[in-house]
């Protein structure tokens, strides 16, 4: 990924709910200066939208592959996303 502004949608599977994954993701995003959101899904996965410089997104994806203590990430799927208007901050949405 380059350093121009871009966005990706991410789905993280494994033991990723009930282990503080969303709050940890928000903290990582704030440290890296990326914007977007993270939420739990009904199927037990976690979804996120991450927007920012390509290098920061690459670093964030590496963090998500590891997850916080207590998590066990079995897979991570990514796809390019459209940049959302006025995307600011990083929110836990569900």
C-alpha atoms as a PDB file:
ATOM      1  CA  UNK A   1       0.000   0.000   0.000  1.00  0.00           C
ATOM      2  CA  UNK A   2       1.166   3.505  -0.711  1.00  0.00           C
ATOM      3  CA  UNK A   3       0.959   6.633   1.387  1.00  0.00           C
ATOM      4  CA  UNK A   4      -2.045   8.154  -0.383  1.00  0.00           C
ATOM      5  CA  UNK A   5      -5.377   8.190   1.429  1.00  0.00           C
ATOM      6  CA  UNK A   6      -7.356   4.978   0.979  1.00  0.00           C
ATOM      7  CA  UNK A   7      -9.848   2.775   2.788  1.00  0.00           C
ATOM      8  CA  UNK A   8     -10.335  -0.948   3.388  1.00  0.00           C
ATOM      9  CA  UNK A   9     -13.099  -3.067   4.887  1.00  0.00           C
ATOM     10  CA  UNK A  10     -11.868  -5.842   7.136  1.00  0.00           C
ATOM     11  CA  UNK A  11     -13.543  -8.942   8.595  1.00  0.00           C
ATOM     12  CA  UNK A  12     -11.670 -10.669  11.417  1.00  0.00           C
ATOM     13  CA  UNK A  13     -12.675 -14.190  12.460  1.00  0.00           C
ATOM     14  CA  UNK A  14     -11.677 -16.424  15.351  1.00  0.00           C
ATOM     15  CA  UNK A  15     -12.036 -15.739  19.065  1.00  0.00           C
ATOM     16  CA  UNK A  16     -12.475 -12.007  18.598  1.00  0.00           C
ATOM     17  CA  UNK A  17     -15.591 -11.196  20.643  1.00  0.00           C
ATOM     18  CA  UNK A  18     -15.580 -10.963  24.420  1.00  0.00           C
ATOM     19  CA  UNK A  19     -11.846 -10.245  24.543  1.00  0.00           C
ATOM     20  CA  UNK A  20     -11.806  -6.437  24.198  1.00  0.00           C
ATOM     21  CA  UNK A  21     -11.045  -6.585  20.470  1.00  0.00           C
ATOM     22  CA  UNK A  22     -13.104  -3.503  19.518  1.00  0.00           C
ATOM     23  CA  UNK A  23     -11.650  -1.190  22.163  1.00  0.00           C
ATOM     24  CA  UNK A  24      -8.147  -2.484  21.414  1.00  0.00           C
ATOM     25  CA  UNK A  25      -8.750  -1.828  17.694  1.00  0.00           C
ATOM     26  CA  UNK A  26      -9.886   1.725  18.453  1.00  0.00           C
ATOM     27  CA  UNK A  27      -6.756   2.324  20.536  1.00  0.00           C
ATOM     28  CA  UNK A  28      -4.486   0.977  17.773  1.00  0.00           C
ATOM     29  CA  UNK A  29      -6.282   3.125  15.185  1.00  0.00           C
ATOM     30  CA  UNK A  30      -5.888   6.269  17.274  1.00  0.00           C
ATOM     31  CA  UNK A  31      -2.164   5.571  17.743  1.00  0.00           C
ATOM     32  CA  UNK A  32      -1.695   5.097  13.991  1.00  0.00           C
ATOM     33  CA  UNK A  33      -3.843   8.070  12.988  1.00  0.00           C
ATOM     34  CA  UNK A  34      -6.340   6.096  10.923  1.00  0.00           C
ATOM     35  CA  UNK A  35     -10.071   6.782  10.938  1.00  0.00           C
ATOM     36  CA  UNK A  36     -13.114   4.549  10.636  1.00  0.00           C
ATOM     37  CA  UNK A  37     -15.167   2.218  12.783  1.00  0.00           C
ATOM     38  CA  UNK A  38     -15.245  -1.287  14.282  1.00  0.00           C
ATOM     39  CA  UNK A  39     -18.192  -3.481  15.282  1.00  0.00           C
ATOM     40  CA  UNK A  40     -19.153  -7.002  16.354  1.00  0.00           C
ATOM     41  CA  UNK A  41     -21.087  -9.105  13.843  1.00  0.00           C
ATOM     42  CA  UNK A  42     -23.844 -11.624  14.626  1.00  0.00           C
ATOM     43  CA  UNK A  43     -21.714 -14.507  13.288  1.00  0.00           C
ATOM     44  CA  UNK A  44     -19.029 -13.912  15.958  1.00  0.00           C
ATOM     45  CA  UNK A  45     -16.629 -12.008  13.703  1.00  0.00           C
ATOM     46  CA  UNK A  46     -15.550  -8.377  13.954  1.00  0.00           C
ATOM     47  CA  UNK A  47     -15.814  -5.946  11.019  1.00  0.00           C
ATOM     48  CA  UNK A  48     -13.983  -2.678  10.564  1.00  0.00           C
ATOM     49  CA  UNK A  49     -13.562   0.148   8.097  1.00  0.00           C
ATOM     50  CA  UNK A  50     -10.092   1.654   8.184  1.00  0.00           C
ATOM     51  CA  UNK A  51      -9.123   4.793   6.262  1.00  0.00           C
ATOM     52  CA  UNK A  52      -5.856   6.675   6.136  1.00  0.00           C
ATOM     53  CA  UNK A  53      -2.399   6.627   4.598  1.00  0.00           C
ATOM     54  CA  UNK A  54      -1.578   3.325   2.936  1.00  0.00           C
ATOM     55  CA  UNK A  55       1.412   2.706   5.205  1.00  0.00           C
ATOM     56  CA  UNK A  56      -0.724   3.235   8.327  1.00  0.00           C
ATOM     57  CA  UNK A  57      -3.376   0.867   6.967  1.00  0.00           C
ATOM     58  CA  UNK A  58      -0.719  -1.791   6.334  1.00  0.00           C
ATOM     59  CA  UNK A  59       0.497  -1.443   9.918  1.00  0.00           C
ATOM     60  CA  UNK A  60      -3.077  -1.592  11.227  1.00  0.00           C
ATOM     61  CA  UNK A  61      -3.756  -4.793   9.274  1.00  0.00           C
ATOM     62  CA  UNK A  62      -0.659  -6.389  10.802  1.00  0.00           C
ATOM     63  CA  UNK A  63      -1.938  -5.414  14.267  1.00  0.00           C
ATOM     64  CA  UNK A  64      -5.365  -6.905  13.504  1.00  0.00           C
ATOM     65  CA  UNK A  65      -3.776 -10.221  12.494  1.00  0.00           C
ATOM     66  CA  UNK A  66      -2.361 -10.507  16.039  1.00  0.00           C
ATOM     67  CA  UNK A  67      -5.202  -8.941  18.012  1.00  0.00           C
ATOM     68  CA  UNK A  68      -5.162  -8.157  21.729  1.00  0.00           C
ATOM     69  CA  UNK A  69      -4.184 -10.561  24.503  1.00  0.00           C
ATOM     70  CA  UNK A  70      -6.920 -13.174  24.833  1.00  0.00           C
ATOM     71  CA  UNK A  71      -7.885 -13.071  21.152  1.00  0.00           C
ATOM     72  CA  UNK A  72      -7.137 -15.812  18.660  1.00  0.00           C
ATOM     73  CA  UNK A  73      -7.408 -14.573  15.078  1.00  0.00           C
ATOM     74  CA  UNK A  74      -8.034 -17.411  12.627  1.00  0.00           C
ATOM     75  CA  UNK A  75      -8.544 -15.315   9.484  1.00  0.00           C
ATOM     76  CA  UNK A  76      -8.651 -11.776   8.213  1.00  0.00           C
ATOM     77  CA  UNK A  77     -10.333 -10.757   4.961  1.00  0.00           C
ATOM     78  CA  UNK A  78      -9.848  -7.361   3.345  1.00  0.00           C
ATOM     79  CA  UNK A  79     -11.402  -5.520   0.441  1.00  0.00           C
ATOM     80  CA  UNK A  80     -10.976  -2.033  -0.933  1.00  0.00           C
ATOM     81  CA  UNK A  81     -13.674   0.325   0.300  1.00  0.00           C
ATOM     82  CA  UNK A  82     -15.048   3.630  -0.897  1.00  0.00           C
ATOM     83  CA  UNK A  83     -13.950   6.591   1.146  1.00  0.00           C
ATOM     84  CA  UNK A  84     -16.854   7.782   3.242  1.00  0.00           C
ATOM     85  CA  UNK A  85     -17.678  11.475   3.328  1.00  0.00           C
ATOM     86  CA  UNK A  86     -16.393  13.316   6.373  1.00  0.00           C
ATOM     87  CA  UNK A  87     -14.848  10.252   8.005  1.00  0.00           C
ATOM     88  CA  UNK A  88     -13.281  11.521  11.223  1.00  0.00           C
ATOM     89  CA  UNK A  89     -12.058   9.779  14.352  1.00  0.00           C
ATOM     90  CA  UNK A  90     -12.469   6.082  15.039  1.00  0.00           C
ATOM     91  CA  UNK A  91     -15.708   4.742  16.520  1.00  0.00           C
ATOM     92  CA  UNK A  92     -16.877   1.522  18.119  1.00  0.00           C
ATOM     93  CA  UNK A  93     -20.310   1.182  16.513  1.00  0.00           C
ATOM     94  CA  UNK A  94     -21.679  -2.100  17.752  1.00  0.00           C
END
